């Protein structure tokens, strides 16, 4: 079955997976509640990255030292390199397309 080490690793993995799920849920709420692409990108840029970080870290702990852990760490590295680039490209494309940032009207 598994000794105390395996149970401890599983518990830690569950904690990290739960944290990741929380951050991804916050990102989804931000996508629904915020008014324009600029505010949404701001909210999702960080929370999505943190959610993916915790989820991948939890999966890596759960897998232990194996080839799967190496694959998870490669995905993790690519995510951290590409997520800021994709967010920047999205905002730049919106600006070039003429999308104006949302402004609060007079109350």
N, C-alpha and C. Protein backbone atom coordinates (compact mmCIF):
# COMPACT_ATOMS: atom_id res chain seq x y z
N UNK A 1 0.84 -1.19 0.00
CA UNK A 1 0.00 0.00 0.00
C UNK A 1 0.87 1.24 0.00
N UNK A 2 1.32 1.63 1.13
CA UNK A 2 2.16 2.81 1.22
C UNK A 2 2.38 3.14 2.67
N UNK A 3 3.57 3.55 2.94
CA UNK A 3 3.90 3.87 4.31
C UNK A 3 3.53 5.29 4.66
N UNK A 4 4.01 5.73 5.82
CA UNK A 4 3.70 7.09 6.26
C UNK A 4 4.24 8.16 5.31
N UNK A 5 5.37 7.89 4.65
CA UNK A 5 5.90 8.87 3.69
C UNK A 5 4.96 9.08 2.52
N UNK A 6 4.41 8.00 2.02
CA UNK A 6 3.49 8.10 0.87
C UNK A 6 2.21 8.83 1.26
N UNK A 7 1.71 8.53 2.48
CA UNK A 7 0.51 9.23 2.94
C UNK A 7 0.78 10.72 3.13
N UNK A 8 1.97 11.05 3.63
CA UNK A 8 2.33 12.46 3.82
C UNK A 8 2.46 13.16 2.46
N UNK A 9 3.08 12.51 1.49
CA UNK A 9 3.20 13.09 0.15
C UNK A 9 1.82 13.28 -0.48
N UNK A 10 0.94 12.33 -0.28
CA UNK A 10 -0.42 12.46 -0.82
C UNK A 10 -1.16 13.62 -0.16
N UNK A 11 -1.00 13.76 1.15
CA UNK A 11 -1.65 14.87 1.85
C UNK A 11 -1.13 16.21 1.36
N UNK A 12 0.18 16.33 1.22
CA UNK A 12 0.77 17.58 0.72
C UNK A 12 0.31 17.85 -0.71
N UNK A 13 0.24 16.81 -1.53
CA UNK A 13 -0.23 16.98 -2.92
C UNK A 13 -1.67 17.46 -2.94
N UNK A 14 -2.51 16.92 -2.07
CA UNK A 14 -3.91 17.36 -2.01
C UNK A 14 -4.00 18.82 -1.60
N UNK A 15 -3.17 19.24 -0.67
CA UNK A 15 -3.16 20.65 -0.24
C UNK A 15 -2.79 21.55 -1.42
N UNK A 16 -1.73 21.20 -2.15
CA UNK A 16 -1.32 22.02 -3.29
C UNK A 16 -2.36 22.01 -4.40
N UNK A 17 -2.98 20.86 -4.64
CA UNK A 17 -4.03 20.79 -5.66
C UNK A 17 -5.23 21.64 -5.27
N UNK A 18 -5.56 21.66 -3.99
CA UNK A 18 -6.67 22.49 -3.52
C UNK A 18 -6.36 23.97 -3.66
N UNK A 19 -5.12 24.36 -3.34
CA UNK A 19 -4.71 25.76 -3.53
C UNK A 19 -4.80 26.15 -5.01
N UNK A 20 -4.32 25.26 -5.87
CA UNK A 20 -4.40 25.53 -7.31
C UNK A 20 -5.82 25.67 -7.79
N UNK A 21 -6.69 24.81 -7.29
CA UNK A 21 -8.10 24.89 -7.66
C UNK A 21 -8.71 26.22 -7.20
N UNK A 22 -8.33 26.67 -6.01
CA UNK A 22 -8.82 27.96 -5.51
C UNK A 22 -8.41 29.10 -6.44
N UNK A 23 -7.13 29.16 -6.81
CA UNK A 23 -6.66 30.23 -7.68
C UNK A 23 -7.31 30.17 -9.06
N UNK A 24 -7.51 28.98 -9.59
CA UNK A 24 -8.17 28.86 -10.89
C UNK A 24 -9.64 29.26 -10.80
N UNK A 25 -10.27 28.99 -9.67
CA UNK A 25 -11.65 29.43 -9.47
C UNK A 25 -11.73 30.95 -9.39
N UNK A 26 -10.79 31.57 -8.71
CA UNK A 26 -10.74 33.04 -8.64
C UNK A 26 -10.53 33.62 -10.04
N UNK A 27 -9.68 33.00 -10.85
CA UNK A 27 -9.46 33.46 -12.22
C UNK A 27 -10.73 33.36 -13.05
N UNK A 28 -11.48 32.28 -12.87
CA UNK A 28 -12.73 32.11 -13.61
C UNK A 28 -13.76 33.15 -13.19
N UNK A 29 -13.84 33.45 -11.90
CA UNK A 29 -14.75 34.49 -11.42
C UNK A 29 -14.34 35.85 -11.98
N UNK A 30 -13.04 36.12 -12.04
CA UNK A 30 -12.55 37.37 -12.62
C UNK A 30 -12.92 37.50 -14.09
N UNK A 31 -12.88 36.40 -14.81
CA UNK A 31 -13.26 36.43 -16.23
C UNK A 31 -14.72 36.80 -16.41
N UNK A 32 -15.56 36.34 -15.52
CA UNK A 32 -16.99 36.58 -15.63
C UNK A 32 -17.36 37.98 -15.14
N UNK A 33 -16.75 38.43 -14.06
CA UNK A 33 -17.18 39.67 -13.40
C UNK A 33 -16.55 40.94 -13.95
N UNK A 34 -15.38 40.87 -14.51
CA UNK A 34 -14.70 42.09 -14.93
C UNK A 34 -15.17 42.56 -16.31
N UNK A 35 -15.14 43.89 -16.54
CA UNK A 35 -15.85 44.45 -17.69
C UNK A 35 -15.15 44.35 -19.05
N UNK A 36 -13.83 44.38 -19.10
CA UNK A 36 -13.19 44.40 -20.42
C UNK A 36 -11.95 43.51 -20.45
N UNK A 37 -11.37 43.41 -21.63
CA UNK A 37 -10.23 42.51 -21.83
C UNK A 37 -9.02 42.92 -21.00
N UNK A 38 -8.85 44.19 -20.74
CA UNK A 38 -7.69 44.65 -19.99
C UNK A 38 -7.79 44.25 -18.52
N UNK A 39 -8.94 44.48 -17.92
CA UNK A 39 -9.15 44.08 -16.52
C UNK A 39 -9.11 42.57 -16.38
N UNK A 40 -9.69 41.86 -17.33
CA UNK A 40 -9.69 40.40 -17.28
C UNK A 40 -8.27 39.85 -17.39
N UNK A 41 -7.48 40.41 -18.28
CA UNK A 41 -6.10 39.95 -18.43
C UNK A 41 -5.29 40.21 -17.17
N UNK A 42 -5.56 41.33 -16.52
CA UNK A 42 -4.86 41.65 -15.29
C UNK A 42 -5.20 40.64 -14.20
N UNK A 43 -6.47 40.31 -14.08
CA UNK A 43 -6.90 39.36 -13.05
C UNK A 43 -6.43 37.94 -13.35
N UNK A 44 -6.56 37.55 -14.58
CA UNK A 44 -6.26 36.17 -14.95
C UNK A 44 -4.76 35.92 -15.07
N UNK A 45 -3.99 36.93 -15.45
CA UNK A 45 -2.56 36.74 -15.65
C UNK A 45 -1.85 36.15 -14.45
N UNK A 46 -2.15 36.66 -13.27
CA UNK A 46 -1.50 36.17 -12.06
C UNK A 46 -2.19 34.95 -11.48
N UNK A 47 -3.50 35.00 -11.37
CA UNK A 47 -4.20 33.89 -10.71
C UNK A 47 -4.11 32.61 -11.52
N UNK A 48 -4.12 32.71 -12.82
CA UNK A 48 -4.00 31.52 -13.67
C UNK A 48 -2.62 30.90 -13.50
N UNK A 49 -1.60 31.73 -13.45
CA UNK A 49 -0.24 31.22 -13.29
C UNK A 49 -0.07 30.58 -11.92
N UNK A 50 -0.57 31.23 -10.88
CA UNK A 50 -0.46 30.66 -9.54
C UNK A 50 -1.25 29.36 -9.43
N UNK A 51 -2.44 29.32 -10.01
CA UNK A 51 -3.24 28.11 -9.98
C UNK A 51 -2.53 26.95 -10.67
N UNK A 52 -1.99 27.23 -11.83
CA UNK A 52 -1.26 26.18 -12.57
C UNK A 52 -0.01 25.76 -11.81
N UNK A 53 0.67 26.72 -11.18
CA UNK A 53 1.87 26.40 -10.39
C UNK A 53 1.52 25.41 -9.27
N UNK A 54 0.50 25.73 -8.49
CA UNK A 54 0.14 24.85 -7.38
C UNK A 54 -0.37 23.50 -7.88
N UNK A 55 -1.14 23.50 -8.95
CA UNK A 55 -1.65 22.23 -9.48
C UNK A 55 -0.51 21.34 -9.98
N UNK A 56 0.40 21.92 -10.75
CA UNK A 56 1.51 21.13 -11.28
C UNK A 56 2.46 20.69 -10.17
N UNK A 57 2.68 21.55 -9.18
CA UNK A 57 3.54 21.18 -8.07
C UNK A 57 2.92 20.04 -7.26
N UNK A 58 1.61 20.12 -7.05
CA UNK A 58 0.92 19.03 -6.35
C UNK A 58 0.99 17.72 -7.12
N UNK A 59 0.82 17.79 -8.44
CA UNK A 59 0.94 16.59 -9.26
C UNK A 59 2.35 16.02 -9.24
N UNK A 60 3.36 16.90 -9.25
CA UNK A 60 4.74 16.44 -9.20
C UNK A 60 5.04 15.74 -7.88
N UNK A 61 4.53 16.28 -6.78
CA UNK A 61 4.73 15.63 -5.48
C UNK A 61 4.02 14.28 -5.45
N UNK A 62 2.83 14.24 -5.98
CA UNK A 62 2.07 12.99 -5.98
C UNK A 62 2.77 11.91 -6.81
N UNK A 63 3.35 12.30 -7.93
CA UNK A 63 4.02 11.33 -8.80
C UNK A 63 5.31 10.81 -8.20
N UNK A 64 5.99 11.60 -7.38
CA UNK A 64 7.28 11.19 -6.85
C UNK A 64 8.34 11.33 -7.93
N UNK A 65 9.52 10.82 -7.64
CA UNK A 65 10.62 10.92 -8.60
C UNK A 65 10.43 9.89 -9.70
N UNK A 66 10.01 10.37 -10.88
CA UNK A 66 9.79 9.48 -12.01
C UNK A 66 9.87 10.30 -13.29
N UNK A 67 9.68 9.62 -14.39
CA UNK A 67 9.66 10.30 -15.68
C UNK A 67 8.47 11.25 -15.78
N UNK A 68 7.36 10.88 -15.17
CA UNK A 68 6.18 11.76 -15.18
C UNK A 68 6.46 13.06 -14.45
N UNK A 69 7.22 13.00 -13.38
CA UNK A 69 7.57 14.23 -12.65
C UNK A 69 8.42 15.13 -13.54
N UNK A 70 9.33 14.56 -14.29
CA UNK A 70 10.15 15.35 -15.22
C UNK A 70 9.28 16.01 -16.27
N UNK A 71 8.30 15.30 -16.80
CA UNK A 71 7.39 15.87 -17.79
C UNK A 71 6.57 17.01 -17.20
N UNK A 72 6.11 16.84 -15.97
CA UNK A 72 5.35 17.89 -15.30
C UNK A 72 6.21 19.13 -15.11
N UNK A 73 7.47 18.95 -14.75
CA UNK A 73 8.37 20.09 -14.56
C UNK A 73 8.68 20.80 -15.88
N UNK A 74 8.71 20.06 -16.99
CA UNK A 74 8.91 20.68 -18.30
C UNK A 74 7.68 21.53 -18.66
N UNK A 75 6.49 21.00 -18.41
CA UNK A 75 5.26 21.77 -18.66
C UNK A 75 5.25 23.02 -17.77
N UNK A 76 5.66 22.86 -16.53
CA UNK A 76 5.74 23.96 -15.58
C UNK A 76 6.67 25.06 -16.11
N UNK A 77 7.84 24.67 -16.60
CA UNK A 77 8.80 25.64 -17.14
C UNK A 77 8.24 26.36 -18.37
N UNK A 78 7.63 25.63 -19.26
CA UNK A 78 7.05 26.24 -20.46
C UNK A 78 5.92 27.18 -20.10
N UNK A 79 5.13 26.82 -19.11
CA UNK A 79 4.04 27.68 -18.67
C UNK A 79 4.58 29.02 -18.18
N UNK A 80 5.64 28.98 -17.38
CA UNK A 80 6.18 30.22 -16.85
C UNK A 80 6.87 31.06 -17.91
N UNK A 81 7.33 30.45 -18.97
CA UNK A 81 7.91 31.23 -20.07
C UNK A 81 6.84 31.80 -20.99
N UNK A 82 5.78 31.04 -21.24
CA UNK A 82 4.81 31.43 -22.26
C UNK A 82 3.62 32.22 -21.74
N UNK A 83 3.24 32.05 -20.49
CA UNK A 83 2.05 32.74 -19.98
C UNK A 83 2.18 34.26 -20.03
N UNK A 84 3.28 34.87 -19.60
CA UNK A 84 3.39 36.32 -19.73
C UNK A 84 3.40 36.79 -21.19
N UNK A 85 4.00 36.01 -22.06
CA UNK A 85 4.06 36.38 -23.48
C UNK A 85 2.66 36.36 -24.09
N UNK A 86 1.88 35.35 -23.78
CA UNK A 86 0.52 35.25 -24.31
C UNK A 86 -0.36 36.38 -23.77
N UNK A 87 -0.22 36.70 -22.48
CA UNK A 87 -1.00 37.79 -21.90
C UNK A 87 -0.63 39.12 -22.56
N UNK A 88 0.65 39.36 -22.74
CA UNK A 88 1.10 40.59 -23.38
C UNK A 88 0.60 40.68 -24.83
N UNK A 89 0.69 39.57 -25.56
CA UNK A 89 0.23 39.56 -26.95
C UNK A 89 -1.27 39.81 -27.05
N UNK A 90 -2.04 39.28 -26.11
CA UNK A 90 -3.48 39.49 -26.12
C UNK A 90 -3.81 40.97 -25.90
N UNK A 91 -3.18 41.58 -24.92
CA UNK A 91 -3.43 43.00 -24.63
C UNK A 91 -2.97 43.88 -25.79
N UNK A 92 -1.84 43.56 -26.35
CA UNK A 92 -1.34 44.34 -27.48
C UNK A 92 -2.26 44.24 -28.69
N UNK A 93 -2.78 43.04 -28.95
CA UNK A 93 -3.71 42.85 -30.06
C UNK A 93 -5.00 43.63 -29.82
N UNK A 94 -5.46 43.66 -28.58
CA UNK A 94 -6.68 44.43 -28.27
C UNK A 94 -6.43 45.92 -28.48
N UNK A 95 -5.29 46.42 -28.06
CA UNK A 95 -4.97 47.83 -28.27
C UNK A 95 -4.86 48.17 -29.75
N UNK A 96 -4.21 47.31 -30.51
CA UNK A 96 -4.06 47.55 -31.96
C UNK A 96 -5.39 47.47 -32.70
N UNK A 97 -6.33 46.68 -32.16
CA UNK A 97 -7.64 46.57 -32.78
C UNK A 97 -8.54 47.74 -32.43
N UNK A 98 -8.06 48.61 -31.54
CA UNK A 98 -8.82 49.80 -31.19
C UNK A 98 -9.75 49.64 -30.00
N UNK A 99 -9.58 48.58 -29.24
CA UNK A 99 -10.41 48.40 -28.05
C UNK A 99 -9.99 49.42 -27.01
N UNK A 100 -10.96 50.14 -26.50
CA UNK A 100 -10.69 51.16 -25.48
C UNK A 100 -10.92 50.57 -24.10
N UNK A 101 -10.07 50.93 -23.14
CA UNK A 101 -10.28 50.45 -21.77
C UNK A 101 -11.59 50.98 -21.20
N UNK A 102 -12.25 50.17 -20.39
CA UNK A 102 -13.51 50.54 -19.77
C UNK A 102 -13.26 51.63 -18.74
N UNK A 103 -14.11 52.64 -18.75
CA UNK A 103 -14.03 53.73 -17.77
C UNK A 103 -15.37 53.83 -17.04
N UNK A 104 -15.28 54.05 -15.76
CA UNK A 104 -16.49 54.19 -14.96
C UNK A 104 -17.13 55.52 -15.28
N UNK A 105 -18.42 55.48 -15.59
CA UNK A 105 -19.15 56.69 -15.92
C UNK A 105 -19.49 57.49 -14.67
N UNK A 106 -20.04 58.68 -14.86
CA UNK A 106 -20.43 59.48 -13.69
C UNK A 106 -21.53 58.79 -12.92
N UNK A 107 -21.44 58.88 -11.57
CA UNK A 107 -22.45 58.20 -10.77
C UNK A 107 -23.66 59.04 -10.49
